[in-house]
Amino acid sequence: MRALFSLTGFVALAASAAAQQPEFFRDVYADAVYNRLTGFSTSQIARVGFKKGQDDLHVLFRNETFDTRGTDLPFQYAARGTSVALGYRHWFPGNRMFGTISYGTGLAGTIKDKADFRAGFAGYTDWSNGRNFTDLYGDLFYVGVAKDTYLNLRIRPGRILRQDKDGRLWVYGVGQLFAAGSGARGTENRVEAGLGIGYLFRGKVTLNLEMRGGYAYRGDISKRTYLNPTIILAGQL
């Protein structure tokens, strides 16, 4: 009954958005992340759809890979998941936070032929004072394939070393919280803090190098405390 209600509500929202006079949009996001704890991962997310006011309706393509081989984790694997879905987003005032719901199917990898239902919220904000700069990101999602809910919160207070028309170089402290409803794995239930240096190129591509220390507060993991050097390359169009 709950699944039927969610799907019925989703269809109603999609029909409401489609009945308006929307504008075409497309966006692409990709990242590659390496850290000592969980190994190497990548994600590519592309959306094509229509937006009217604070709402958009889109087709979403998602491809994700994970490779934990060579880490100290008690569970080592290499996996891929590819899916396509119909999605809806509502943007809150300021266009820095949105609520979203999507429903689709797995095309390849570990989620092939499985229903891919996701719903949640994500948001970003930043503030500056002279060369001092801080940003804050958070998201909360239910992922149907995993039958679990995930929380991610990150704050980075720092100082700009150099800024020009091409980009921004800055150093910062970082604190991040990961949590999952099931609490089964330590990699999904941990808190980390450390220092980093990052470069943002023309507002589109970022490269960040970080040295973090972490603590897994629940779930299966080899060591509760750990060092976690991290490299993140991300971009959007």
C-alpha atoms as a PDB file:
ATOM      1  CA  MET A   1       0.000   0.000   0.000  1.00  0.00           C
ATOM      2  CA  ARG A   2       2.843   2.399   0.852  1.00  0.00           C
ATOM      3  CA  ALA A   3       4.583   1.709  -2.485  1.00  0.00           C
ATOM      4  CA  LEU A   4       1.295   2.271  -4.367  1.00  0.00           C
ATOM      5  CA  PHE A   5       0.767   5.587  -2.561  1.00  0.00           C
ATOM      6  CA  SER A   6       4.331   6.721  -3.384  1.00  0.00           C
ATOM      7  CA  LEU A   7       3.948   5.808  -7.044  1.00  0.00           C
ATOM      8  CA  THR A   8       0.494   7.443  -7.265  1.00  0.00           C
ATOM      9  CA  GLY A   9       1.828  10.653  -5.734  1.00  0.00           C
ATOM     10  CA  PHE A  10       4.790  10.603  -8.096  1.00  0.00           C
ATOM     11  CA  VAL A  11       2.536  10.244 -11.146  1.00  0.00           C
ATOM     12  CA  ALA A  12       0.347  13.106  -9.928  1.00  0.00           C
ATOM     13  CA  LEU A  13       3.360  15.382  -9.459  1.00  0.00           C
ATOM     14  CA  ALA A  14       4.746  14.432 -12.864  1.00  0.00           C
ATOM     15  CA  ALA A  15       1.398  15.110 -14.554  1.00  0.00           C
ATOM     16  CA  SER A  16       1.137  18.490 -12.820  1.00  0.00           C
ATOM     17  CA  ALA A  17       4.592  19.529 -14.021  1.00  0.00           C
ATOM     18  CA  ALA A  18       3.950  18.275 -17.557  1.00  0.00           C
ATOM     19  CA  ALA A  19       0.692  20.270 -17.795  1.00  0.00           C
ATOM     20  CA  GLN A  20       2.586  23.582 -17.510  1.00  0.00           C
ATOM     21  CA  GLN A  21       4.583  25.342 -20.229  1.00  0.00           C
ATOM     22  CA  PRO A  22       8.118  24.296 -19.323  1.00  0.00           C
ATOM     23  CA  GLU A  23      11.550  25.184 -20.700  1.00  0.00           C
ATOM     24  CA  PHE A  24      13.975  22.541 -21.923  1.00  0.00           C
ATOM     25  CA  PHE A  25      17.090  21.880 -19.814  1.00  0.00           C
ATOM     26  CA  ARG A  26      19.923  19.390 -19.568  1.00  0.00           C
ATOM     27  CA  ASP A  27      22.701  18.881 -17.044  1.00  0.00           C
ATOM     28  CA  VAL A  28      25.523  16.416 -16.525  1.00  0.00           C
ATOM     29  CA  TYR A  29      27.490  15.653 -13.358  1.00  0.00           C
ATOM     30  CA  ALA A  30      30.480  13.319 -13.037  1.00  0.00           C
ATOM     31  CA  ASP A  31      33.012  12.527 -10.334  1.00  0.00           C
ATOM     32  CA  ALA A  32      35.878  10.193  -9.520  1.00  0.00           C
ATOM     33  CA  VAL A  33      36.824   9.605  -5.877  1.00  0.00           C
ATOM     34  CA  TYR A  34      39.653   7.699  -4.268  1.00  0.00           C
ATOM     35  CA  ASN A  35      40.080   7.266  -0.541  1.00  0.00           C
ATOM     36  CA  ARG A  36      41.979   4.784   1.536  1.00  0.00           C
ATOM     37  CA  LEU A  37      38.917   3.481   3.365  1.00  0.00           C
ATOM     38  CA  THR A  38      36.577   2.534   0.507  1.00  0.00           C
ATOM     39  CA  GLY A  39      38.846   2.528  -2.560  1.00  0.00           C
ATOM     40  CA  PHE A  40      37.852   3.944  -5.943  1.00  0.00           C
ATOM     41  CA  SER A  41      34.401   5.031  -7.087  1.00  0.00           C
ATOM     42  CA  THR A  42      32.891   6.979  -9.971  1.00  0.00           C
ATOM     43  CA  SER A  43      29.476   8.349 -10.824  1.00  0.00           C
ATOM     44  CA  GLN A  44      27.914   9.919 -13.899  1.00  0.00           C
ATOM     45  CA  ILE A  45      24.441  11.470 -13.769  1.00  0.00           C
ATOM     46  CA  ALA A  46      22.741  13.057 -16.785  1.00  0.00           C
ATOM     47  CA  ARG A  47      19.303  14.699 -16.858  1.00  0.00           C
ATOM     48  CA  VAL A  48      17.243  15.894 -19.816  1.00  0.00           C
ATOM     49  CA  GLY A  49      13.848  17.429 -19.245  1.00  0.00           C
ATOM     50  CA  PHE A  50      11.636  20.463 -18.835  1.00  0.00           C
ATOM     51  CA  LYS A  51      11.463  23.079 -16.099  1.00  0.00           C
ATOM     52  CA  LYS A  52       8.748  25.544 -15.185  1.00  0.00           C
ATOM     53  CA  GLY A  53       9.225  27.871 -12.255  1.00  0.00           C
ATOM     54  CA  GLN A  54      10.478  25.881  -9.284  1.00  0.00           C
ATOM     55  CA  ASP A  55       9.634  22.432 -10.709  1.00  0.00           C
ATOM     56  CA  ASP A  56      11.209  20.164 -13.291  1.00  0.00           C
ATOM     57  CA  LEU A  57      10.380  16.816 -14.851  1.00  0.00           C
ATOM     58  CA  HIS A  58      13.212  14.869 -16.442  1.00  0.00           C
ATOM     59  CA  VAL A  59      14.657  11.599 -17.684  1.00  0.00           C
ATOM     60  CA  LEU A  60      17.655  10.594 -15.604  1.00  0.00           C
ATOM     61  CA  PHE A  61      20.572   8.335 -16.547  1.00  0.00           C
ATOM     62  CA  ARG A  62      22.832   7.153 -13.729  1.00  0.00           C
ATOM     63  CA  ASN A  63      25.998   5.036 -13.813  1.00  0.00           C
ATOM     64  CA  GLU A  64      28.020   4.231 -10.690  1.00  0.00           C
ATOM     65  CA  THR A  65      31.056   2.048 -10.027  1.00  0.00           C
ATOM     66  CA  PHE A  66      32.689   0.899  -6.783  1.00  0.00           C
ATOM     67  CA  ASP A  67      35.958  -0.942  -6.254  1.00  0.00           C
ATOM     68  CA  THR A  68      37.011  -1.662  -2.671  1.00  0.00           C
ATOM     69  CA  ARG A  69      39.704  -4.164  -3.583  1.00  0.00           C
ATOM     70  CA  GLY A  70      43.042  -3.340  -1.978  1.00  0.00           C
ATOM     71  CA  THR A  71      41.465  -1.681   1.066  1.00  0.00           C
ATOM     72  CA  ASP A  72      41.320  -2.988   4.632  1.00  0.00           C
ATOM     73  CA  LEU A  73      37.563  -3.533   4.492  1.00  0.00           C
ATOM     74  CA  PRO A  74      36.186  -6.933   5.531  1.00  0.00           C
ATOM     75  CA  PHE A  75      34.025  -6.885   2.365  1.00  0.00           C
ATOM     76  CA  GLN A  76      35.940  -6.343  -0.890  1.00  0.00           C
ATOM     77  CA  TYR A  77      34.210  -6.146  -4.220  1.00  0.00           C
ATOM     78  CA  ALA A  78      34.059  -4.407  -7.598  1.00  0.00           C
ATOM     79  CA  ALA A  79      30.553  -3.461  -8.702  1.00  0.00           C
ATOM     80  CA  ARG A  80      28.692  -1.369 -11.225  1.00  0.00           C
ATOM     81  CA  GLY A  81      25.114  -0.129 -11.377  1.00  0.00           C
ATOM     82  CA  THR A  82      23.451   1.560 -14.354  1.00  0.00           C
ATOM     83  CA  SER A  83      19.848   2.768 -14.389  1.00  0.00           C
ATOM     84  CA  VAL A  84      17.410   5.037 -16.208  1.00  0.00           C
ATOM     85  CA  ALA A  85      14.480   6.751 -14.487  1.00  0.00           C
ATOM     86  CA  LEU A  86      11.786   9.390 -14.706  1.00  0.00           C
ATOM     87  CA  GLY A  87      12.392  12.071 -12.101  1.00  0.00           C
ATOM     88  CA  TYR A  88      10.728  15.112 -10.578  1.00  0.00           C
ATOM     89  CA  ARG A  89      12.359  17.925  -8.568  1.00  0.00           C
ATOM     90  CA  HIS A  90      10.959  20.874  -6.661  1.00  0.00           C
ATOM     91  CA  TRP A  91      13.463  23.675  -6.038  1.00  0.00           C
ATOM     92  CA  PHE A  92      13.078  25.759  -2.909  1.00  0.00           C
ATOM     93  CA  PRO A  93      13.586  29.571  -2.923  1.00  0.00           C
ATOM     94  CA  GLY A  94      17.155  30.441  -3.862  1.00  0.00           C
ATOM     95  CA  ASN A  95      17.497  27.317  -6.020  1.00  0.00           C
ATOM     96  CA  ARG A  96      20.076  25.764  -3.717  1.00  0.00           C
ATOM     97  CA  MET A  97      17.914  23.063  -2.176  1.00  0.00           C
ATOM     98  CA  PHE A  98      15.503  20.641  -3.797  1.00  0.00           C
ATOM     99  CA  GLY A  99      13.243  17.724  -3.014  1.00  0.00           C
ATOM    100  CA  THR A 100      13.158  14.941  -5.575  1.00  0.00           C
ATOM    101  CA  ILE A 101      11.530  11.638  -6.416  1.00  0.00           C
ATOM    102  CA  SER A 102      12.423   9.240  -9.239  1.00  0.00           C
ATOM    103  CA  TYR A 103      11.350   5.833 -10.440  1.00  0.00           C
ATOM    104  CA  GLY A 104      13.085   3.687 -13.051  1.00  0.00           C
ATOM    105  CA  THR A 105      14.823   0.413 -13.741  1.00  0.00           C
ATOM    106  CA  GLY A 106      18.334  -0.988 -13.612  1.00  0.00           C
ATOM    107  CA  LEU A 107      19.968  -1.536 -16.996  1.00  0.00           C
ATOM    108  CA  ALA A 108      23.239  -3.214 -16.052  1.00  0.00           C
ATOM    109  CA  GLY A 109      25.372  -4.366 -13.160  1.00  0.00           C
ATOM    110  CA  THR A 110      24.156  -5.340  -9.724  1.00  0.00           C
ATOM    111  CA  ILE A 111      20.800  -3.550 -10.170  1.00  0.00           C
ATOM    112  CA  LYS A 112      19.930  -4.937 -13.617  1.00  0.00           C
ATOM    113  CA  ASP A 113      16.154  -5.479 -14.005  1.00  0.00           C
ATOM    114  CA  LYS A 114      15.506  -4.129 -10.494  1.00  0.00           C
ATOM    115  CA  ALA A 115      13.150  -1.233  -9.761  1.00  0.00           C
ATOM    116  CA  ASP A 116      15.146   1.921  -8.944  1.00  0.00           C
ATOM    117  CA  PHE A 117      13.037   4.145  -6.674  1.00  0.00           C
ATOM    118  CA  ARG A 118      14.682   7.069  -4.881  1.00  0.00           C
ATOM    119  CA  ALA A 119      13.332  10.026  -2.923  1.00  0.00           C
ATOM    120  CA  GLY A 120      14.932  12.695  -0.796  1.00  0.00           C
ATOM    121  CA  PHE A 121      16.388  16.161  -0.389  1.00  0.00           C
ATOM    122  CA  ALA A 122      19.724  17.809  -1.226  1.00  0.00           C
ATOM    123  CA  GLY A 123      21.036  21.298  -0.621  1.00  0.00           C
ATOM    124  CA  TYR A 124      24.130  23.499  -0.772  1.00  0.00           C
ATOM    125  CA  THR A 125      24.989  26.943   0.530  1.00  0.00           C
ATOM    126  CA  ASP A 126      28.124  29.035   1.077  1.00  0.00           C
ATOM    127  CA  TRP A 127      29.122  32.327   2.639  1.00  0.00           C
ATOM    128  CA  SER A 128      32.254  34.484   2.594  1.00  0.00           C
ATOM    129  CA  ASN A 129      33.888  37.371   4.420  1.00  0.00           C
ATOM    130  CA  GLY A 130      36.866  38.738   2.553  1.00  0.00           C
ATOM    131  CA  ARG A 131      39.128  35.771   1.885  1.00  0.00           C
ATOM    132  CA  ASN A 132      37.350  33.581   4.416  1.00  0.00           C
ATOM    133  CA  PHE A 133      35.004  31.113   2.721  1.00  0.00           C
ATOM    134  CA  THR A 134      32.742  28.366   4.090  1.00  0.00           C
ATOM    135  CA  ASP A 135      30.411  25.966   2.323  1.00  0.00           C
ATOM    136  CA  LEU A 136      27.816  23.511   3.599  1.00  0.00           C
ATOM    137  CA  TYR A 137      26.294  20.527   1.781  1.00  0.00           C
ATOM    138  CA  GLY A 138      23.744  17.944   2.869  1.00  0.00           C
ATOM    139  CA  ASP A 139      21.485  15.270   1.454  1.00  0.00           C
ATOM    140  CA  LEU A 140      19.003  12.697   2.767  1.00  0.00           C
ATOM    141  CA  PHE A 141      17.793   9.909   0.453  1.00  0.00           C
ATOM    142  CA  TYR A 142      15.814   6.709   0.548  1.00  0.00           C
ATOM    143  CA  VAL A 143      17.194   4.245  -2.031  1.00  0.00           C
ATOM    144  CA  GLY A 144      14.771   1.476  -2.888  1.00  0.00           C
ATOM    145  CA  VAL A 145      17.339  -0.937  -4.314  1.00  0.00           C
ATOM    146  CA  ALA A 146      19.235  -0.899  -1.003  1.00  0.00           C
ATOM    147  CA  LYS A 147      16.034  -0.641   1.068  1.00  0.00           C
ATOM    148  CA  ASP A 148      17.801   1.934   3.210  1.00  0.00           C
ATOM    149  CA  THR A 149      17.964   5.657   3.973  1.00  0.00           C
ATOM    150  CA  TYR A 150      21.251   7.586   3.803  1.00  0.00           C
ATOM    151  CA  LEU A 151      22.319  10.901   5.336  1.00  0.00           C
ATOM    152  CA  ASN A 152      25.367  12.936   4.286  1.00  0.00           C
ATOM    153  CA  LEU A 153      26.398  16.263   5.894  1.00  0.00           C
ATOM    154  CA  ARG A 154      29.608  18.175   5.103  1.00  0.00           C
ATOM    155  CA  ILE A 155      31.024  21.532   6.160  1.00  0.00           C
ATOM    156  CA  ARG A 156      34.248  23.149   4.925  1.00  0.00           C
ATOM    157  CA  PRO A 157      35.427  26.406   6.513  1.00  0.00           C
ATOM    158  CA  GLY A 158      38.531  27.785   4.811  1.00  0.00           C
ATOM    159  CA  ARG A 159      40.540  30.632   3.354  1.00  0.00           C
ATOM    160  CA  ILE A 160      41.025  31.634  -0.274  1.00  0.00           C
ATOM    161  CA  LEU A 161      44.682  31.722  -1.302  1.00  0.00           C
ATOM    162  CA  ARG A 162      44.103  32.953  -4.848  1.00  0.00           C
ATOM    163  CA  GLN A 163      41.090  33.879  -6.936  1.00  0.00           C
ATOM    164  CA  ASP A 164      40.860  35.168 -10.519  1.00  0.00           C
ATOM    165  CA  LYS A 165      38.626  34.805 -13.588  1.00  0.00           C
ATOM    166  CA  ASP A 166      39.724  31.195 -14.067  1.00  0.00           C
ATOM    167  CA  GLY A 167      39.144  29.846 -10.599  1.00  0.00           C
ATOM    168  CA  ARG A 168      39.688  29.720  -6.868  1.00  0.00           C
ATOM    169  CA  LEU A 169      42.443  28.044  -4.857  1.00  0.00           C
ATOM    170  CA  TRP A 170      41.680  27.575  -1.177  1.00  0.00           C
ATOM    171  CA  VAL A 171      42.661  25.646   1.944  1.00  0.00           C
ATOM    172  CA  TYR A 172      40.066  24.442   4.414  1.00  0.00           C
ATOM    173  CA  GLY A 173      39.087  22.234   7.270  1.00  0.00           C
ATOM    174  CA  VAL A 174      36.509  19.563   6.554  1.00  0.00           C
ATOM    175  CA  GLY A 175      34.014  17.739   8.746  1.00  0.00           C
ATOM    176  CA  GLN A 176      31.623  15.129   7.364  1.00  0.00           C
ATOM    177  CA  LEU A 177      28.971  12.817   8.772  1.00  0.00           C
ATOM    178  CA  PHE A 178      27.676   9.683   7.054  1.00  0.00           C
ATOM    179  CA  ALA A 179      24.714   7.729   8.420  1.00  0.00           C
ATOM    180  CA  ALA A 180      22.460   4.903   7.224  1.00  0.00           C
ATOM    181  CA  GLY A 181      19.219   3.672   8.720  1.00  0.00           C
ATOM    182  CA  SER A 182      20.252   0.023   8.847  1.00  0.00           C
ATOM    183  CA  GLY A 183      23.608   0.651  10.530  1.00  0.00           C
ATOM    184  CA  ALA A 184      25.002  -2.506   8.961  1.00  0.00           C
ATOM    185  CA  ARG A 185      28.278  -1.166   7.557  1.00  0.00           C
ATOM    186  CA  GLY A 186      30.834   1.088   9.163  1.00  0.00           C
ATOM    187  CA  THR A 187      31.570   2.770   5.832  1.00  0.00           C
ATOM    188  CA  GLU A 188      27.996   4.133   5.846  1.00  0.00           C
ATOM    189  CA  ASN A 189      28.024   5.165   9.524  1.00  0.00           C
ATOM    190  CA  ARG A 190      31.079   7.256  10.241  1.00  0.00           C
ATOM    191  CA  VAL A 191      32.307  10.757  11.014  1.00  0.00           C
ATOM    192  CA  GLU A 192      35.463  12.297   9.521  1.00  0.00           C
ATOM    193  CA  ALA A 193      37.472  15.492  10.009  1.00  0.00           C
ATOM    194  CA  GLY A 194      40.653  16.831   8.482  1.00  0.00           C
ATOM    195  CA  LEU A 195      42.364  19.387   6.253  1.00  0.00           C
ATOM    196  CA  GLY A 196      42.221  19.914   2.495  1.00  0.00           C
ATOM    197  CA  ILE A 197      43.256  22.033  -0.446  1.00  0.00           C
ATOM    198  CA  GLY A 198      40.993  22.548  -3.430  1.00  0.00           C
ATOM    199  CA  TYR A 199      40.811  24.278  -6.789  1.00  0.00           C
ATOM    200  CA  LEU A 200      37.576  25.304  -8.502  1.00  0.00           C
ATOM    201  CA  PHE A 201      38.023  25.930 -12.243  1.00  0.00           C
ATOM    202  CA  ARG A 202      35.554  28.375 -13.809  1.00  0.00           C
ATOM    203  CA  GLY A 203      32.791  27.277 -11.478  1.00  0.00           C
ATOM    204  CA  LYS A 204      32.511  23.865 -13.173  1.00  0.00           C
ATOM    205  CA  VAL A 205      35.385  21.528 -12.247  1.00  0.00           C
ATOM    206  CA  THR A 206      36.841  20.904  -8.804  1.00  0.00           C
ATOM    207  CA  LEU A 207      39.929  19.024  -7.610  1.00  0.00           C
ATOM    208  CA  ASN A 208      40.318  18.426  -3.887  1.00  0.00           C
ATOM    209  CA  LEU A 209      43.108  16.726  -1.925  1.00  0.00           C
ATOM    210  CA  GLU A 210      42.334  15.951   1.704  1.00  0.00           C
ATOM    211  CA  MET A 211      43.846  14.236   4.702  1.00  0.00           C
ATOM    212  CA  ARG A 212      41.121  12.980   7.028  1.00  0.00           C
ATOM    213  CA  GLY A 213      40.853  11.038  10.219  1.00  0.00           C
ATOM    214  CA  GLY A 214      37.692   9.053  10.825  1.00  0.00           C
ATOM    215  CA  TYR A 215      35.668   7.074  13.328  1.00  0.00           C
ATOM    216  CA  ALA A 216      33.066   4.426  12.408  1.00  0.00           C
ATOM    217  CA  TYR A 217      30.496   4.641  15.199  1.00  0.00           C
ATOM    218  CA  ARG A 218      28.491   1.537  14.203  1.00  0.00           C
ATOM    219  CA  GLY A 219      28.425  -1.235  11.625  1.00  0.00           C
ATOM    220  CA  ASP A 220      30.856  -3.836  10.317  1.00  0.00           C
ATOM    221  CA  ILE A 221      34.377  -2.469   9.718  1.00  0.00           C
ATOM    222  CA  SER A 222      37.966  -3.589  10.328  1.00  0.00           C
ATOM    223  CA  LYS A 223      39.046  -0.579  12.423  1.00  0.00           C
ATOM    224  CA  ARG A 224      36.844   1.914  14.243  1.00  0.00           C
ATOM    225  CA  THR A 225      39.432   4.684  13.882  1.00  0.00           C
ATOM    226  CA  TYR A 226      41.392   5.224  10.698  1.00  0.00           C
ATOM    227  CA  LEU A 227      43.290   7.670   8.478  1.00  0.00           C
ATOM    228  CA  ASN A 228      41.595   8.379   5.178  1.00  0.00           C
ATOM    229  CA  PRO A 229      43.541  10.396   2.552  1.00  0.00           C
ATOM    230  CA  THR A 230      41.049  11.412  -0.127  1.00  0.00           C
ATOM    231  CA  ILE A 231      41.182  12.689  -3.718  1.00  0.00           C
ATOM    232  CA  ILE A 232      38.040  14.059  -5.397  1.00  0.00           C
ATOM    233  CA  LEU A 233      37.672  15.174  -9.012  1.00  0.00           C
ATOM    234  CA  ALA A 234      34.206  16.410  -9.980  1.00  0.00           C
ATOM    235  CA  GLY A 235      32.617  18.435 -12.751  1.00  0.00           C
ATOM    236  CA  GLN A 236      29.279  19.545 -14.113  1.00  0.00           C
ATOM    237  CA  LEU A 237      27.896  20.968 -17.353  1.00  0.00           C
END
